[in-house]
Amino acid sequence: DRVVVDIFKAEVINNVVSGRSFHTSNGALSGTGTF
């Protein structure tokens, strides 16, 4: 009954994508990461 949405920001260099993702639910730290 709950949908979690992560937001992310990244940079593209040639065909390489690198960035960070953040949880939007209650400022929770869990799920925060890098890709």
Full PDB file with SEQRES, HELIX, SHEET, SSBOND, CRYST1, ORIGX, SCALE, CONECT and MASTER records, all heavy atoms in Angstrom:
SEQRES   1 A   35  ASP ARG VAL VAL VAL ASP ILE PHE LYS ALA GLU VAL ILE          
SEQRES   2 A   35  ASN ASN VAL VAL SER GLY ARG SER PHE HIS THR SER ASN          
SEQRES   3 A   35  GLY ALA LEU SER GLY THR GLY THR PHE                          
SHEET    1 AA1 3 ASP A   6  ILE A  13  0                                        
SHEET    2 AA1 3 VAL A  16  HIS A  23 -1                                        
SHEET    3 AA1 3 GLY A  33  THR A  34 -1                                        
CRYST1    1.000    1.000    1.000  90.00  90.00  90.00 P 1           1          
ORIGX1      1.000000  0.000000  0.000000        0.00000                         
ORIGX2      0.000000  1.000000  0.000000        0.00000                         
ORIGX3      0.000000  0.000000  1.000000        0.00000                         
SCALE1      1.000000  0.000000  0.000000        0.00000                         
SCALE2      0.000000  1.000000  0.000000        0.00000                         
SCALE3      0.000000  0.000000  1.000000        0.00000                         
ATOM      1  N   ASP A   1       0.808  -1.228   0.000  1.00  0.00           N  
ATOM      2  CA  ASP A   1       0.000   0.000   0.000  1.00  0.00           C  
ATOM      3  C   ASP A   1       0.838   1.272   0.000  1.00  0.00           C  
ATOM      4  O   ASP A   1       0.329   2.358   0.198  1.00  0.00           O  
ATOM      5  CB  ASP A   1      -0.930   0.017   1.218  1.00  0.00           C  
ATOM      6  CG  ASP A   1      -0.156  -0.081   2.528  1.00  0.00           C  
ATOM      7  OD1 ASP A   1       1.082  -0.218   2.465  1.00  0.00           O  
ATOM      8  OD2 ASP A   1      -0.796  -0.033   3.591  1.00  0.00           O  
ATOM      9  N   ARG A   2       2.132   1.144  -0.244  1.00  0.00           N  
ATOM     10  CA  ARG A   2       2.983   2.339  -0.195  1.00  0.00           C  
ATOM     11  C   ARG A   2       3.959   2.336  -1.367  1.00  0.00           C  
ATOM     12  O   ARG A   2       4.612   1.339  -1.641  1.00  0.00           O  
ATOM     13  CB  ARG A   2       3.768   2.372   1.130  1.00  0.00           C  
ATOM     14  CG  ARG A   2       4.635   3.631   1.295  1.00  0.00           C  
ATOM     15  CD  ARG A   2       5.128   3.724   2.720  1.00  0.00           C  
ATOM     16  NE  ARG A   2       6.039   2.640   3.040  1.00  0.00           N  
ATOM     17  CZ  ARG A   2       7.378   2.725   2.928  1.00  0.00           C  
ATOM     18  NH1 ARG A   2       7.918   3.836   2.495  1.00  0.00           N  
ATOM     19  NH2 ARG A   2       8.148   1.708   3.257  1.00  0.00           N  
ATOM     20  N   VAL A   3       4.038   3.444  -2.058  1.00  0.00           N  
ATOM     21  CA  VAL A   3       4.965   3.582  -3.168  1.00  0.00           C  
ATOM     22  C   VAL A   3       6.118   4.478  -2.752  1.00  0.00           C  
ATOM     23  O   VAL A   3       5.904   5.588  -2.263  1.00  0.00           O  
ATOM     24  CB  VAL A   3       4.271   4.161  -4.413  1.00  0.00           C  
ATOM     25  CG1 VAL A   3       5.287   4.400  -5.514  1.00  0.00           C  
ATOM     26  CG2 VAL A   3       3.178   3.214  -4.896  1.00  0.00           C  
ATOM     27  N   VAL A   4       7.321   3.990  -2.912  1.00  0.00           N  
ATOM     28  CA  VAL A   4       8.517   4.758  -2.577  1.00  0.00           C  
ATOM     29  C   VAL A   4       9.078   5.360  -3.852  1.00  0.00           C  
ATOM     30  O   VAL A   4       9.214   4.686  -4.864  1.00  0.00           O  
ATOM     31  CB  VAL A   4       9.573   3.865  -1.913  1.00  0.00           C  
ATOM     32  CG1 VAL A   4      10.877   4.636  -1.701  1.00  0.00           C  
ATOM     33  CG2 VAL A   4       9.056   3.346  -0.581  1.00  0.00           C  
ATOM     34  N   VAL A   5       9.387   6.634  -3.804  1.00  0.00           N  
ATOM     35  CA  VAL A   5       9.972   7.310  -4.954  1.00  0.00           C  
ATOM     36  C   VAL A   5      11.362   7.813  -4.587  1.00  0.00           C  
ATOM     37  O   VAL A   5      11.531   8.504  -3.578  1.00  0.00           O  
ATOM     38  CB  VAL A   5       9.093   8.489  -5.417  1.00  0.00           C  
ATOM     39  CG1 VAL A   5       9.776   9.239  -6.558  1.00  0.00           C  
ATOM     40  CG2 VAL A   5       7.718   7.994  -5.856  1.00  0.00           C  
ATOM     41  N   ASP A   6      12.339   7.443  -5.385  1.00  0.00           N  
ATOM     42  CA  ASP A   6      13.692   7.963  -5.226  1.00  0.00           C  
ATOM     43  C   ASP A   6      13.935   9.006  -6.304  1.00  0.00           C  
ATOM     44  O   ASP A   6      13.503   8.834  -7.452  1.00  0.00           O  
ATOM     45  CB  ASP A   6      14.738   6.852  -5.389  1.00  0.00           C  
ATOM     46  CG  ASP A   6      14.701   5.849  -4.244  1.00  0.00           C  
ATOM     47  OD1 ASP A   6      14.208   6.236  -3.173  1.00  0.00           O  
ATOM     48  OD2 ASP A   6      15.156   4.720  -4.430  1.00  0.00           O  
ATOM     49  N   ILE A   7      14.598  10.075  -5.944  1.00  0.00           N  
ATOM     50  CA  ILE A   7      15.024  11.055  -6.935  1.00  0.00           C  
ATOM     51  C   ILE A   7      16.525  10.889  -7.141  1.00  0.00           C  
ATOM     52  O   ILE A   7      17.222  10.369  -6.268  1.00  0.00           O  
ATOM     53  CB  ILE A   7      14.697  12.495  -6.504  1.00  0.00           C  
ATOM     54  CG1 ILE A   7      15.410  12.855  -5.187  1.00  0.00           C  
ATOM     55  CG2 ILE A   7      13.196  12.693  -6.365  1.00  0.00           C  
ATOM     56  CD1 ILE A   7      15.242  14.301  -4.783  1.00  0.00           C  
ATOM     57  N   PHE A   8      17.000  11.295  -8.301  1.00  0.00           N  
ATOM     58  CA  PHE A   8      18.427  11.135  -8.553  1.00  0.00           C  
ATOM     59  C   PHE A   8      18.942  12.289  -9.409  1.00  0.00           C  
ATOM     60  O   PHE A   8      18.195  12.947 -10.135  1.00  0.00           O  
ATOM     61  CB  PHE A   8      18.725   9.797  -9.237  1.00  0.00           C  
ATOM     62  CG  PHE A   8      18.020   9.597 -10.551  1.00  0.00           C  
ATOM     63  CD1 PHE A   8      18.560  10.070 -11.733  1.00  0.00           C  
ATOM     64  CD2 PHE A   8      16.799   8.950 -10.596  1.00  0.00           C  
ATOM     65  CE1 PHE A   8      17.912   9.907 -12.938  1.00  0.00           C  
ATOM     66  CE2 PHE A   8      16.136   8.762 -11.797  1.00  0.00           C  
ATOM     67  CZ  PHE A   8      16.692   9.239 -12.969  1.00  0.00           C  
ATOM     68  N   LYS A   9      20.249  12.502  -9.311  1.00  0.00           N  
ATOM     69  CA  LYS A   9      20.956  13.486 -10.116  1.00  0.00           C  
ATOM     70  C   LYS A   9      22.218  12.815 -10.626  1.00  0.00           C  
ATOM     71  O   LYS A   9      22.874  12.071  -9.898  1.00  0.00           O  
ATOM     72  CB  LYS A   9      21.321  14.723  -9.288  1.00  0.00           C  
ATOM     73  CG  LYS A   9      20.131  15.480  -8.723  1.00  0.00           C  
ATOM     74  CD  LYS A   9      20.581  16.679  -7.891  1.00  0.00           C  
ATOM     75  CE  LYS A   9      19.392  17.417  -7.299  1.00  0.00           C  
ATOM     76  NZ  LYS A   9      19.837  18.574  -6.475  1.00  0.00           N  
ATOM     77  N   ALA A  10      22.559  13.083 -11.898  1.00  0.00           N  
ATOM     78  CA  ALA A  10      23.721  12.407 -12.467  1.00  0.00           C  
ATOM     79  C   ALA A  10      24.360  13.252 -13.554  1.00  0.00           C  
ATOM     80  O   ALA A  10      23.783  14.224 -14.047  1.00  0.00           O  
ATOM     81  CB  ALA A  10      23.323  11.047 -13.031  1.00  0.00           C  
ATOM     82  N   GLU A  11      25.555  12.842 -13.935  1.00  0.00           N  
ATOM     83  CA  GLU A  11      26.298  13.469 -15.026  1.00  0.00           C  
ATOM     84  C   GLU A  11      26.595  12.410 -16.080  1.00  0.00           C  
ATOM     85  O   GLU A  11      26.852  11.249 -15.746  1.00  0.00           O  
ATOM     86  CB  GLU A  11      27.607  14.065 -14.512  1.00  0.00           C  
ATOM     87  CG  GLU A  11      28.436  14.759 -15.592  1.00  0.00           C  
ATOM     88  CD  GLU A  11      29.730  15.326 -15.060  1.00  0.00           C  
ATOM     89  OE1 GLU A  11      30.141  14.921 -13.954  1.00  0.00           O  
ATOM     90  OE2 GLU A  11      30.338  16.169 -15.743  1.00  0.00           O  
ATOM     91  N   VAL A  12      26.528  12.804 -17.351  1.00  0.00           N  
ATOM     92  CA  VAL A  12      26.819  11.892 -18.449  1.00  0.00           C  
ATOM     93  C   VAL A  12      28.113  12.348 -19.130  1.00  0.00           C  
ATOM     94  O   VAL A  12      28.227  13.489 -19.575  1.00  0.00           O  
ATOM     95  CB  VAL A  12      25.681  11.868 -19.489  1.00  0.00           C  
ATOM     96  CG1 VAL A  12      25.963  10.828 -20.570  1.00  0.00           C  
ATOM     97  CG2 VAL A  12      24.345  11.584 -18.819  1.00  0.00           C  
ATOM     98  N   ILE A  13      29.082  11.462 -19.201  1.00  0.00           N  
ATOM     99  CA  ILE A  13      30.330  11.719 -19.912  1.00  0.00           C  
ATOM    100  C   ILE A  13      30.485  10.627 -20.960  1.00  0.00           C  
ATOM    101  O   ILE A  13      30.635   9.456 -20.611  1.00  0.00           O  
ATOM    102  CB  ILE A  13      31.541  11.726 -18.961  1.00  0.00           C  
ATOM    103  CG1 ILE A  13      31.365  12.797 -17.878  1.00  0.00           C  
ATOM    104  CG2 ILE A  13      32.830  11.955 -19.726  1.00  0.00           C  
ATOM    105  CD1 ILE A  13      32.478  12.803 -16.837  1.00  0.00           C  
ATOM    106  N   ASN A  14      30.425  10.992 -22.231  1.00  0.00           N  
ATOM    107  CA  ASN A  14      30.358  10.011 -23.310  1.00  0.00           C  
ATOM    108  C   ASN A  14      29.147   9.110 -23.057  1.00  0.00           C  
ATOM    109  O   ASN A  14      28.026   9.579 -23.055  1.00  0.00           O  
ATOM    110  CB  ASN A  14      31.665   9.235 -23.434  1.00  0.00           C  
ATOM    111  CG  ASN A  14      32.802  10.111 -23.914  1.00  0.00           C  
ATOM    112  OD1 ASN A  14      32.630  10.922 -24.813  1.00  0.00           O  
ATOM    113  ND2 ASN A  14      33.965   9.968 -23.313  1.00  0.00           N  
ATOM    114  N   ASN A  15      29.364   7.827 -22.804  1.00  0.00           N  
ATOM    115  CA  ASN A  15      28.242   6.926 -22.525  1.00  0.00           C  
ATOM    116  C   ASN A  15      28.240   6.447 -21.077  1.00  0.00           C  
ATOM    117  O   ASN A  15      27.608   5.442 -20.740  1.00  0.00           O  
ATOM    118  CB  ASN A  15      28.293   5.702 -23.458  1.00  0.00           C  
ATOM    119  CG  ASN A  15      29.479   4.805 -23.151  1.00  0.00           C  
ATOM    120  OD1 ASN A  15      30.582   5.289 -22.886  1.00  0.00           O  
ATOM    121  ND2 ASN A  15      29.258   3.502 -23.202  1.00  0.00           N  
ATOM    122  N   VAL A  16      28.943   7.175 -20.205  1.00  0.00           N  
ATOM    123  CA  VAL A  16      29.043   6.807 -18.792  1.00  0.00           C  
ATOM    124  C   VAL A  16      28.150   7.719 -17.960  1.00  0.00           C  
ATOM    125  O   VAL A  16      28.196   8.944 -18.078  1.00  0.00           O  
ATOM    126  CB  VAL A  16      30.498   6.920 -18.300  1.00  0.00           C  
ATOM    127  CG1 VAL A  16      30.587   6.551 -16.823  1.00  0.00           C  
ATOM    128  CG2 VAL A  16      31.411   6.026 -19.131  1.00  0.00           C  
ATOM    129  N   VAL A  17      27.317   7.107 -17.101  1.00  0.00           N  
ATOM    130  CA  VAL A  17      26.384   7.852 -16.248  1.00  0.00           C  
ATOM    131  C   VAL A  17      26.759   7.589 -14.797  1.00  0.00           C  
ATOM    132  O   VAL A  17      26.846   6.438 -14.372  1.00  0.00           O  
ATOM    133  CB  VAL A  17      24.932   7.392 -16.474  1.00  0.00           C  
ATOM    134  CG1 VAL A  17      23.968   8.332 -15.748  1.00  0.00           C  
ATOM    135  CG2 VAL A  17      24.606   7.306 -17.947  1.00  0.00           C  
ATOM    136  N   SER A  18      26.990   8.650 -14.030  1.00  0.00           N  
ATOM    137  CA  SER A  18      27.309   8.483 -12.613  1.00  0.00           C  
ATOM    138  C   SER A  18      26.575   9.542 -11.804  1.00  0.00           C  
ATOM    139  O   SER A  18      26.444  10.687 -12.234  1.00  0.00           O  
ATOM    140  CB  SER A  18      28.822   8.600 -12.374  1.00  0.00           C  
ATOM    141  OG  SER A  18      29.305   9.862 -12.800  1.00  0.00           O  
ATOM    142  N   GLY A  19      26.054   9.134 -10.644  1.00  0.00           N  
ATOM    143  CA  GLY A  19      25.318  10.096  -9.843  1.00  0.00           C  
ATOM    144  C   GLY A  19      24.898   9.546  -8.502  1.00  0.00           C  
ATOM    145  O   GLY A  19      25.415   8.529  -8.026  1.00  0.00           O  
ATOM    146  N   ARG A  20      23.910  10.226  -7.875  1.00  0.00           N  
ATOM    147  CA  ARG A  20      23.424   9.877  -6.552  1.00  0.00           C  
ATOM    148  C   ARG A  20      21.910   9.807  -6.560  1.00  0.00           C  
ATOM    149  O   ARG A  20      21.242  10.529  -7.303  1.00  0.00           O  
ATOM    150  CB  ARG A  20      23.880  10.902  -5.515  1.00  0.00           C  
ATOM    151  CG  ARG A  20      25.379  11.008  -5.336  1.00  0.00           C  
ATOM    152  CD  ARG A  20      25.704  12.006  -4.229  1.00  0.00           C  
ATOM    153  NE  ARG A  20      25.167  11.560  -2.946  1.00  0.00           N  
ATOM    154  CZ  ARG A  20      25.103  12.342  -1.867  1.00  0.00           C  
ATOM    155  NH1 ARG A  20      25.521  13.593  -1.924  1.00  0.00           N  
ATOM    156  NH2 ARG A  20      24.614  11.876  -0.731  1.00  0.00           N  
ATOM    157  N   SER A  21      21.375   8.930  -5.713  1.00  0.00           N  
ATOM    158  CA  SER A  21      19.927   8.824  -5.551  1.00  0.00           C  
ATOM    159  C   SER A  21      19.559   9.135  -4.096  1.00  0.00           C  
ATOM    160  O   SER A  21      20.364   8.928  -3.180  1.00  0.00           O  
ATOM    161  CB  SER A  21      19.444   7.414  -5.924  1.00  0.00           C  
ATOM    162  OG  SER A  21      20.040   6.434  -5.091  1.00  0.00           O  
ATOM    163  N   PHE A  22      18.334   9.625  -3.896  1.00  0.00           N  
ATOM    164  CA  PHE A  22      17.886  10.053  -2.569  1.00  0.00           C  
ATOM    165  C   PHE A  22      16.445   9.600  -2.350  1.00  0.00           C  
ATOM    166  O   PHE A  22      15.608   9.717  -3.238  1.00  0.00           O  
ATOM    167  CB  PHE A  22      17.948  11.576  -2.439  1.00  0.00           C  
ATOM    168  CG  PHE A  22      19.252  12.186  -2.861  1.00  0.00           C  
ATOM    169  CD1 PHE A  22      19.472  12.535  -4.189  1.00  0.00           C  
ATOM    170  CD2 PHE A  22      20.263  12.411  -1.939  1.00  0.00           C  
ATOM    171  CE1 PHE A  22      20.669  13.097  -4.590  1.00  0.00           C  
ATOM    172  CE2 PHE A  22      21.468  12.978  -2.339  1.00  0.00           C  
ATOM    173  CZ  PHE A  22      21.675  13.322  -3.664  1.00  0.00           C  
ATOM    174  N   HIS A  23      16.149   9.135  -1.129  1.00  0.00           N  
ATOM    175  CA  HIS A  23      14.777   8.821  -0.766  1.00  0.00           C  
ATOM    176  C   HIS A  23      13.995  10.113  -0.549  1.00  0.00           C  
ATOM    177  O   HIS A  23      14.543  11.109  -0.079  1.00  0.00           O  
ATOM    178  CB  HIS A  23      14.736   8.012   0.532  1.00  0.00           C  
ATOM    179  CG  HIS A  23      14.483   6.558   0.310  1.00  0.00           C  
ATOM    180  ND1 HIS A  23      13.774   6.079  -0.763  1.00  0.00           N  
ATOM    181  CD2 HIS A  23      14.833   5.467   1.044  1.00  0.00           C  
ATOM    182  CE1 HIS A  23      13.701   4.769  -0.681  1.00  0.00           C  
ATOM    183  NE2 HIS A  23      14.347   4.368   0.398  1.00  0.00           N  
ATOM    184  N   THR A  24      12.701  10.097  -0.853  1.00  0.00           N  
ATOM    185  CA  THR A  24      11.860  11.272  -0.613  1.00  0.00           C  
ATOM    186  C   THR A  24      10.922  11.063   0.563  1.00  0.00           C  
ATOM    187  O   THR A  24      10.199  11.974   0.938  1.00  0.00           O  
ATOM    188  CB  THR A  24      11.004  11.577  -1.857  1.00  0.00           C  
ATOM    189  OG1 THR A  24      10.180  10.439  -2.155  1.00  0.00           O  
ATOM    190  CG2 THR A  24      11.878  11.893  -3.055  1.00  0.00           C  
ATOM    191  N   SER A  25      10.904   9.860   1.150  1.00  0.00           N  
ATOM    192  CA  SER A  25       9.957   9.570   2.229  1.00  0.00           C  
ATOM    193  C   SER A  25      10.546   9.909   3.593  1.00  0.00           C  
ATOM    194  O   SER A  25      11.500   9.286   4.046  1.00  0.00           O  
ATOM    195  CB  SER A  25       9.554   8.093   2.196  1.00  0.00           C  
ATOM    196  OG  SER A  25      10.700   7.271   2.291  1.00  0.00           O  
ATOM    197  N   ASN A  26      10.021  10.928   4.236  1.00  0.00           N  
ATOM    198  CA  ASN A  26      10.378  11.303   5.608  1.00  0.00           C  
ATOM    199  C   ASN A  26      11.874  11.537   5.820  1.00  0.00           C  
ATOM    200  O   ASN A  26      12.380  11.365   6.923  1.00  0.00           O  
ATOM    201  CB  ASN A  26       9.908  10.210   6.580  1.00  0.00           C  
ATOM    202  CG  ASN A  26       8.419   9.980   6.500  1.00  0.00           C  
ATOM    203  OD1 ASN A  26       7.653  10.924   6.332  1.00  0.00           O  
ATOM    204  ND2 ASN A  26       7.996   8.725   6.593  1.00  0.00           N  
ATOM    205  N   GLY A  27      12.553  11.923   4.761  1.00  0.00           N  
ATOM    206  CA  GLY A  27      13.972  12.203   4.889  1.00  0.00           C  
ATOM    207  C   GLY A  27      14.799  10.994   5.280  1.00  0.00           C  
ATOM    208  O   GLY A  27      15.887  11.117   5.827  1.00  0.00           O  
ATOM    209  N   ALA A  28      14.265   9.789   5.021  1.00  0.00           N  
ATOM    210  CA  ALA A  28      14.953   8.560   5.430  1.00  0.00           C  
ATOM    211  C   ALA A  28      16.307   8.435   4.747  1.00  0.00           C  
ATOM    212  O   ALA A  28      16.452   8.741   3.573  1.00  0.00           O  
ATOM    213  CB  ALA A  28      14.084   7.349   5.108  1.00  0.00           C  
ATOM    214  N   LEU A  29      17.282   7.970   5.512  1.00  0.00           N  
ATOM    215  CA  LEU A  29      18.618   7.763   4.954  1.00  0.00           C  
ATOM    216  C   LEU A  29      18.686   6.476   4.149  1.00  0.00           C  
ATOM    217  O   LEU A  29      19.435   6.363   3.185  1.00  0.00           O  
ATOM    218  CB  LEU A  29      19.650   7.726   6.087  1.00  0.00           C  
ATOM    219  CG  LEU A  29      21.131   7.636   5.678  1.00  0.00           C  
ATOM    220  CD1 LEU A  29      21.530   8.863   4.863  1.00  0.00           C  
ATOM    221  CD2 LEU A  29      22.004   7.509   6.919  1.00  0.00           C  
ATOM    222  N   SER A  30      17.887   5.466   4.544  1.00  0.00           N  
ATOM    223  CA  SER A  30      17.922   4.180   3.851  1.00  0.00           C  
ATOM    224  C   SER A  30      17.571   4.360   2.381  1.00  0.00           C  
ATOM    225  O   SER A  30      16.678   5.129   2.030  1.00  0.00           O  
ATOM    226  CB  SER A  30      16.936   3.198   4.495  1.00  0.00           C  
ATOM    227  OG  SER A  30      15.615   3.654   4.340  1.00  0.00           O  
ATOM    228  N   GLY A  31      18.291   3.654   1.537  1.00  0.00           N  
ATOM    229  CA  GLY A  31      18.044   3.770   0.095  1.00  0.00           C  
ATOM    230  C   GLY A  31      18.907   4.807  -0.574  1.00  0.00           C  
ATOM    231  O   GLY A  31      19.107   4.760  -1.789  1.00  0.00           O  
ATOM    232  N   THR A  32      19.444   5.761   0.190  1.00  0.00           N  
ATOM    233  CA  THR A  32      20.340   6.755  -0.392  1.00  0.00           C  
ATOM    234  C   THR A  32      21.582   6.050  -0.922  1.00  0.00           C  
ATOM    235  O   THR A  32      22.123   5.165  -0.269  1.00  0.00           O  
ATOM    236  CB  THR A  32      20.747   7.795   0.667  1.00  0.00           C  
ATOM    237  OG1 THR A  32      19.574   8.486   1.094  1.00  0.00           O  
ATOM    238  CG2 THR A  32      21.731   8.791   0.099  1.00  0.00           C  
ATOM    239  N   GLY A  33      21.995   6.401  -2.119  1.00  0.00           N  
ATOM    240  CA  GLY A  33      23.130   5.684  -2.679  1.00  0.00           C  
ATOM    241  C   GLY A  33      23.773   6.369  -3.859  1.00  0.00           C  
ATOM    242  O   GLY A  33      23.450   7.517  -4.198  1.00  0.00           O  
ATOM    243  N   THR A  34      24.685   5.654  -4.487  1.00  0.00           N  
ATOM    244  CA  THR A  34      25.374   6.128  -5.682  1.00  0.00           C  
ATOM    245  C   THR A  34      25.250   5.064  -6.766  1.00  0.00           C  
ATOM    246  O   THR A  34      25.080   3.877  -6.471  1.00  0.00           O  
ATOM    247  CB  THR A  34      26.867   6.394  -5.399  1.00  0.00           C  
ATOM    248  OG1 THR A  34      27.497   5.170  -4.981  1.00  0.00           O  
ATOM    249  CG2 THR A  34      27.033   7.449  -4.319  1.00  0.00           C  
ATOM    250  N   PHE A  35      25.333   5.489  -8.008  1.00  0.00           N  
ATOM    251  CA  PHE A  35      25.246   4.527  -9.103  1.00  0.00           C  
ATOM    252  C   PHE A  35      26.218   4.909 -10.211  1.00  0.00           C  
ATOM    253  O   PHE A  35      26.624   6.065 -10.359  1.00  0.00           O  
ATOM    254  CB  PHE A  35      23.815   4.432  -9.651  1.00  0.00           C  
ATOM    255  CG  PHE A  35      23.244   5.751 -10.111  1.00  0.00           C  
ATOM    256  CD1 PHE A  35      23.414   6.196 -11.416  1.00  0.00           C  
ATOM    257  CD2 PHE A  35      22.521   6.538  -9.230  1.00  0.00           C  
ATOM    258  CE1 PHE A  35      22.894   7.399 -11.828  1.00  0.00           C  
ATOM    259  CE2 PHE A  35      21.993   7.763  -9.643  1.00  0.00           C  
ATOM    260  CZ  PHE A  35      22.171   8.192 -10.935  1.00  0.00           C  
TER     261      PHE A  35                                                      
MASTER        0    0    0    0    3    0    0    6  260    1    0    3          
END                                                                             
